[in-house]
Amino acid sequence: MAFLFDPLDRNPDLFTLMWVSGLLLLVGSVVVYNIAQNRYRRYPTILALHEWVFWPVAIAWGITPLLAVIHVPLLLLLLVQLPALGVVLWATFVKFPPLIAAANDEIRRRRFVPPPRREERARSRPTPAGRRRTHRR
């Protein structure tokens, strides 16, 4: 339990893991966010989900290398990381699934073209060559 209150410089493996993973996750989240902004620009619900996931990840993993370099205890790093993880999980699995399902239903409703009804006969239209006549015998 003492390792939670020790500075990260006492455990070099954990120190390296924290600052390298912080930089990699920060860069990766920025790249994924930018790609998603271009790909889903017509779907505001999915863009809102990406916003809710991006900002906690960017903030938490953006300050992790700084906190690792100034040798804060692991407990402080966890106090930053765990609430960010909680927000991401809540947004992904609680807040947005019903909103995305409703948006998908609306998209399907807009794209659906009902088939023509069989009982309603459309008025026959003349062809450019005129009406075809049956041969009289």
C-alpha atoms as a PDB file:
ATOM      1  CA  MET A   1       0.000   0.000   0.000  1.00  0.00           C
ATOM      2  CA  ALA A   2       2.974   2.284   0.474  1.00  0.00           C
ATOM      3  CA  PHE A   3       3.623   2.357  -3.293  1.00  0.00           C
ATOM      4  CA  LEU A   4       0.503   4.524  -3.717  1.00  0.00           C
ATOM      5  CA  PHE A   5       2.102   7.312  -1.685  1.00  0.00           C
ATOM      6  CA  ASP A   6       5.663   6.986  -2.999  1.00  0.00           C
ATOM      7  CA  PRO A   7       6.816   9.322  -5.775  1.00  0.00           C
ATOM      8  CA  LEU A   8       7.036   7.749  -9.224  1.00  0.00           C
ATOM      9  CA  ASP A   9      10.821   8.160  -9.389  1.00  0.00           C
ATOM     10  CA  ARG A  10      11.195   5.276  -6.891  1.00  0.00           C
ATOM     11  CA  ASN A  11       9.672   2.893  -9.425  1.00  0.00           C
ATOM     12  CA  PRO A  12      11.366   3.582 -12.784  1.00  0.00           C
ATOM     13  CA  ASP A  13       9.270   1.059 -14.734  1.00  0.00           C
ATOM     14  CA  LEU A  14       6.028   2.699 -13.644  1.00  0.00           C
ATOM     15  CA  PHE A  15       7.473   6.168 -14.271  1.00  0.00           C
ATOM     16  CA  THR A  16       8.407   5.295 -17.869  1.00  0.00           C
ATOM     17  CA  LEU A  17       5.090   3.534 -18.449  1.00  0.00           C
ATOM     18  CA  MET A  18       3.135   6.567 -17.284  1.00  0.00           C
ATOM     19  CA  TRP A  19       4.816   9.278 -19.308  1.00  0.00           C
ATOM     20  CA  VAL A  20       5.129   7.203 -22.509  1.00  0.00           C
ATOM     21  CA  SER A  21       1.531   5.955 -22.327  1.00  0.00           C
ATOM     22  CA  GLY A  22       0.355   9.482 -21.569  1.00  0.00           C
ATOM     23  CA  LEU A  23       1.969  10.877 -24.697  1.00  0.00           C
ATOM     24  CA  LEU A  24       0.854   8.003 -26.908  1.00  0.00           C
ATOM     25  CA  LEU A  25      -2.762   8.122 -25.737  1.00  0.00           C
ATOM     26  CA  LEU A  26      -2.879  11.893 -26.080  1.00  0.00           C
ATOM     27  CA  VAL A  27      -1.581  11.791 -29.665  1.00  0.00           C
ATOM     28  CA  GLY A  28      -3.818   8.822 -30.526  1.00  0.00           C
ATOM     29  CA  SER A  29      -6.928  10.496 -29.142  1.00  0.00           C
ATOM     30  CA  VAL A  30      -6.239  13.683 -31.120  1.00  0.00           C
ATOM     31  CA  VAL A  31      -5.789  11.686 -34.338  1.00  0.00           C
ATOM     32  CA  VAL A  32      -8.981   9.649 -33.781  1.00  0.00           C
ATOM     33  CA  TYR A  33     -10.912  12.800 -32.865  1.00  0.00           C
ATOM     34  CA  ASN A  34      -9.851  14.595 -36.055  1.00  0.00           C
ATOM     35  CA  ILE A  35     -10.680  11.609 -38.253  1.00  0.00           C
ATOM     36  CA  ALA A  36     -14.081  11.235 -36.575  1.00  0.00           C
ATOM     37  CA  GLN A  37     -14.865  14.930 -37.047  1.00  0.00           C
ATOM     38  CA  ASN A  38     -14.441  14.551 -40.794  1.00  0.00           C
ATOM     39  CA  ARG A  39     -16.131  11.178 -41.116  1.00  0.00           C
ATOM     40  CA  TYR A  40     -19.220  11.828 -38.987  1.00  0.00           C
ATOM     41  CA  ARG A  41     -19.865  15.494 -39.740  1.00  0.00           C
ATOM     42  CA  ARG A  42     -23.442  14.721 -40.824  1.00  0.00           C
ATOM     43  CA  TYR A  43     -24.258  12.829 -37.608  1.00  0.00           C
ATOM     44  CA  PRO A  44     -24.333  15.254 -34.665  1.00  0.00           C
ATOM     45  CA  THR A  45     -25.136  12.581 -32.079  1.00  0.00           C
ATOM     46  CA  ILE A  46     -22.004  10.599 -32.878  1.00  0.00           C
ATOM     47  CA  LEU A  47     -19.958  13.806 -32.889  1.00  0.00           C
ATOM     48  CA  ALA A  48     -21.283  14.627 -29.429  1.00  0.00           C
ATOM     49  CA  LEU A  49     -20.244  11.158 -28.230  1.00  0.00           C
ATOM     50  CA  HIS A  50     -16.753  11.747 -29.621  1.00  0.00           C
ATOM     51  CA  GLU A  51     -16.621  15.063 -27.763  1.00  0.00           C
ATOM     52  CA  TRP A  52     -17.628  13.385 -24.497  1.00  0.00           C
ATOM     53  CA  VAL A  53     -14.953  10.729 -24.965  1.00  0.00           C
ATOM     54  CA  PHE A  54     -12.195  12.970 -26.306  1.00  0.00           C
ATOM     55  CA  TRP A  55     -12.032  15.692 -23.678  1.00  0.00           C
ATOM     56  CA  PRO A  56     -11.696  13.500 -20.562  1.00  0.00           C
ATOM     57  CA  VAL A  57      -9.086  11.357 -22.322  1.00  0.00           C
ATOM     58  CA  ALA A  58      -7.185  14.378 -23.630  1.00  0.00           C
ATOM     59  CA  ILE A  59      -7.170  16.173 -20.299  1.00  0.00           C
ATOM     60  CA  ALA A  60      -6.359  13.167 -18.115  1.00  0.00           C
ATOM     61  CA  TRP A  61      -3.683  11.685 -20.358  1.00  0.00           C
ATOM     62  CA  GLY A  62      -2.399  15.134 -21.322  1.00  0.00           C
ATOM     63  CA  ILE A  63      -1.428  15.981 -17.753  1.00  0.00           C
ATOM     64  CA  THR A  64      -0.193  12.464 -16.921  1.00  0.00           C
ATOM     65  CA  PRO A  65       3.295  13.018 -18.452  1.00  0.00           C
ATOM     66  CA  LEU A  66       3.561  16.291 -16.539  1.00  0.00           C
ATOM     67  CA  LEU A  67       2.565  14.631 -13.271  1.00  0.00           C
ATOM     68  CA  ALA A  68       4.971  11.756 -13.941  1.00  0.00           C
ATOM     69  CA  VAL A  69       7.862  14.130 -14.615  1.00  0.00           C
ATOM     70  CA  ILE A  70       7.327  16.076 -11.402  1.00  0.00           C
ATOM     71  CA  HIS A  71       7.210  12.746  -9.503  1.00  0.00           C
ATOM     72  CA  VAL A  72       3.803  12.919  -7.878  1.00  0.00           C
ATOM     73  CA  PRO A  73       2.523   9.874  -5.992  1.00  0.00           C
ATOM     74  CA  LEU A  74       0.628   7.195  -7.897  1.00  0.00           C
ATOM     75  CA  LEU A  75      -2.478   7.965  -5.870  1.00  0.00           C
ATOM     76  CA  LEU A  76      -2.663  11.457  -7.398  1.00  0.00           C
ATOM     77  CA  LEU A  77      -2.338  10.004 -10.892  1.00  0.00           C
ATOM     78  CA  LEU A  78      -5.176   7.609 -10.127  1.00  0.00           C
ATOM     79  CA  LEU A  79      -7.282  10.481  -8.786  1.00  0.00           C
ATOM     80  CA  VAL A  80      -6.940  12.094 -12.212  1.00  0.00           C
ATOM     81  CA  GLN A  81      -7.338   8.963 -14.345  1.00  0.00           C
ATOM     82  CA  LEU A  82     -10.266   7.191 -12.650  1.00  0.00           C
ATOM     83  CA  PRO A  83     -12.829  10.044 -12.862  1.00  0.00           C
ATOM     84  CA  ALA A  84     -11.906  10.535 -16.530  1.00  0.00           C
ATOM     85  CA  LEU A  85     -12.401   6.828 -17.144  1.00  0.00           C
ATOM     86  CA  GLY A  86     -15.732   6.999 -15.331  1.00  0.00           C
ATOM     87  CA  VAL A  87     -16.953   9.862 -17.536  1.00  0.00           C
ATOM     88  CA  VAL A  88     -15.894   8.017 -20.699  1.00  0.00           C
ATOM     89  CA  LEU A  89     -17.629   4.790 -19.644  1.00  0.00           C
ATOM     90  CA  TRP A  90     -20.778   6.630 -18.566  1.00  0.00           C
ATOM     91  CA  ALA A  91     -21.010   8.547 -21.852  1.00  0.00           C
ATOM     92  CA  THR A  92     -20.300   5.461 -23.936  1.00  0.00           C
ATOM     93  CA  PHE A  93     -22.604   2.979 -22.233  1.00  0.00           C
ATOM     94  CA  VAL A  94     -25.297   5.038 -20.462  1.00  0.00           C
ATOM     95  CA  LYS A  95     -25.837   8.480 -21.979  1.00  0.00           C
ATOM     96  CA  PHE A  96     -25.431   7.997 -25.724  1.00  0.00           C
ATOM     97  CA  PRO A  97     -26.777   4.529 -26.707  1.00  0.00           C
ATOM     98  CA  PRO A  98     -30.443   5.639 -26.536  1.00  0.00           C
ATOM     99  CA  LEU A  99     -29.632   8.866 -28.384  1.00  0.00           C
ATOM    100  CA  ILE A 100     -27.748   7.009 -31.113  1.00  0.00           C
ATOM    101  CA  ALA A 101     -30.582   4.471 -31.445  1.00  0.00           C
ATOM    102  CA  ALA A 102     -33.100   7.313 -31.881  1.00  0.00           C
ATOM    103  CA  ALA A 103     -30.846   9.005 -34.454  1.00  0.00           C
ATOM    104  CA  ASN A 104     -30.485   5.718 -36.359  1.00  0.00           C
ATOM    105  CA  ASP A 105     -34.265   5.287 -36.419  1.00  0.00           C
ATOM    106  CA  GLU A 106     -34.655   8.796 -37.799  1.00  0.00           C
ATOM    107  CA  ILE A 107     -32.036   8.125 -40.495  1.00  0.00           C
ATOM    108  CA  ARG A 108     -33.821   4.901 -41.473  1.00  0.00           C
ATOM    109  CA  ARG A 109     -37.157   6.740 -41.570  1.00  0.00           C
ATOM    110  CA  ARG A 110     -35.744   9.396 -43.883  1.00  0.00           C
ATOM    111  CA  ARG A 111     -34.155   6.857 -46.232  1.00  0.00           C
ATOM    112  CA  PHE A 112     -37.145   4.503 -46.450  1.00  0.00           C
ATOM    113  CA  VAL A 113     -39.129   4.692 -49.667  1.00  0.00           C
ATOM    114  CA  PRO A 114     -42.310   2.620 -49.463  1.00  0.00           C
ATOM    115  CA  PRO A 115     -43.064   0.294 -52.360  1.00  0.00           C
ATOM    116  CA  PRO A 116     -45.934   1.228 -54.680  1.00  0.00           C
ATOM    117  CA  ARG A 117     -49.336  -0.059 -53.659  1.00  0.00           C
ATOM    118  CA  ARG A 118     -50.757  -2.789 -55.846  1.00  0.00           C
ATOM    119  CA  GLU A 119     -54.422  -1.849 -55.474  1.00  0.00           C
ATOM    120  CA  GLU A 120     -53.814   1.632 -56.845  1.00  0.00           C
ATOM    121  CA  ARG A 121     -53.227   1.489 -60.578  1.00  0.00           C
ATOM    122  CA  ALA A 122     -51.445   4.387 -62.052  1.00  0.00           C
ATOM    123  CA  ARG A 123     -52.848   6.023 -65.157  1.00  0.00           C
ATOM    124  CA  SER A 124     -51.195   4.468 -68.182  1.00  0.00           C
ATOM    125  CA  ARG A 125     -48.892   6.842 -69.946  1.00  0.00           C
ATOM    126  CA  PRO A 126     -48.482   6.851 -73.682  1.00  0.00           C
ATOM    127  CA  THR A 127     -45.135   5.750 -75.031  1.00  0.00           C
ATOM    128  CA  PRO A 128     -43.281   7.866 -77.575  1.00  0.00           C
ATOM    129  CA  ALA A 129     -44.291   5.420 -80.318  1.00  0.00           C
ATOM    130  CA  GLY A 130     -47.928   5.573 -79.324  1.00  0.00           C
ATOM    131  CA  ARG A 131     -50.166   2.933 -77.885  1.00  0.00           C
ATOM    132  CA  ARG A 132     -49.578  -0.631 -78.895  1.00  0.00           C
ATOM    133  CA  ARG A 133     -52.547  -2.136 -80.610  1.00  0.00           C
ATOM    134  CA  THR A 134     -53.418  -5.731 -80.779  1.00  0.00           C
ATOM    135  CA  HIS A 135     -53.480  -7.309 -84.207  1.00  0.00           C
ATOM    136  CA  ARG A 136     -56.969  -7.859 -85.569  1.00  0.00           C
ATOM    137  CA  ARG A 137     -57.681 -11.089 -87.378  1.00  0.00           C
END
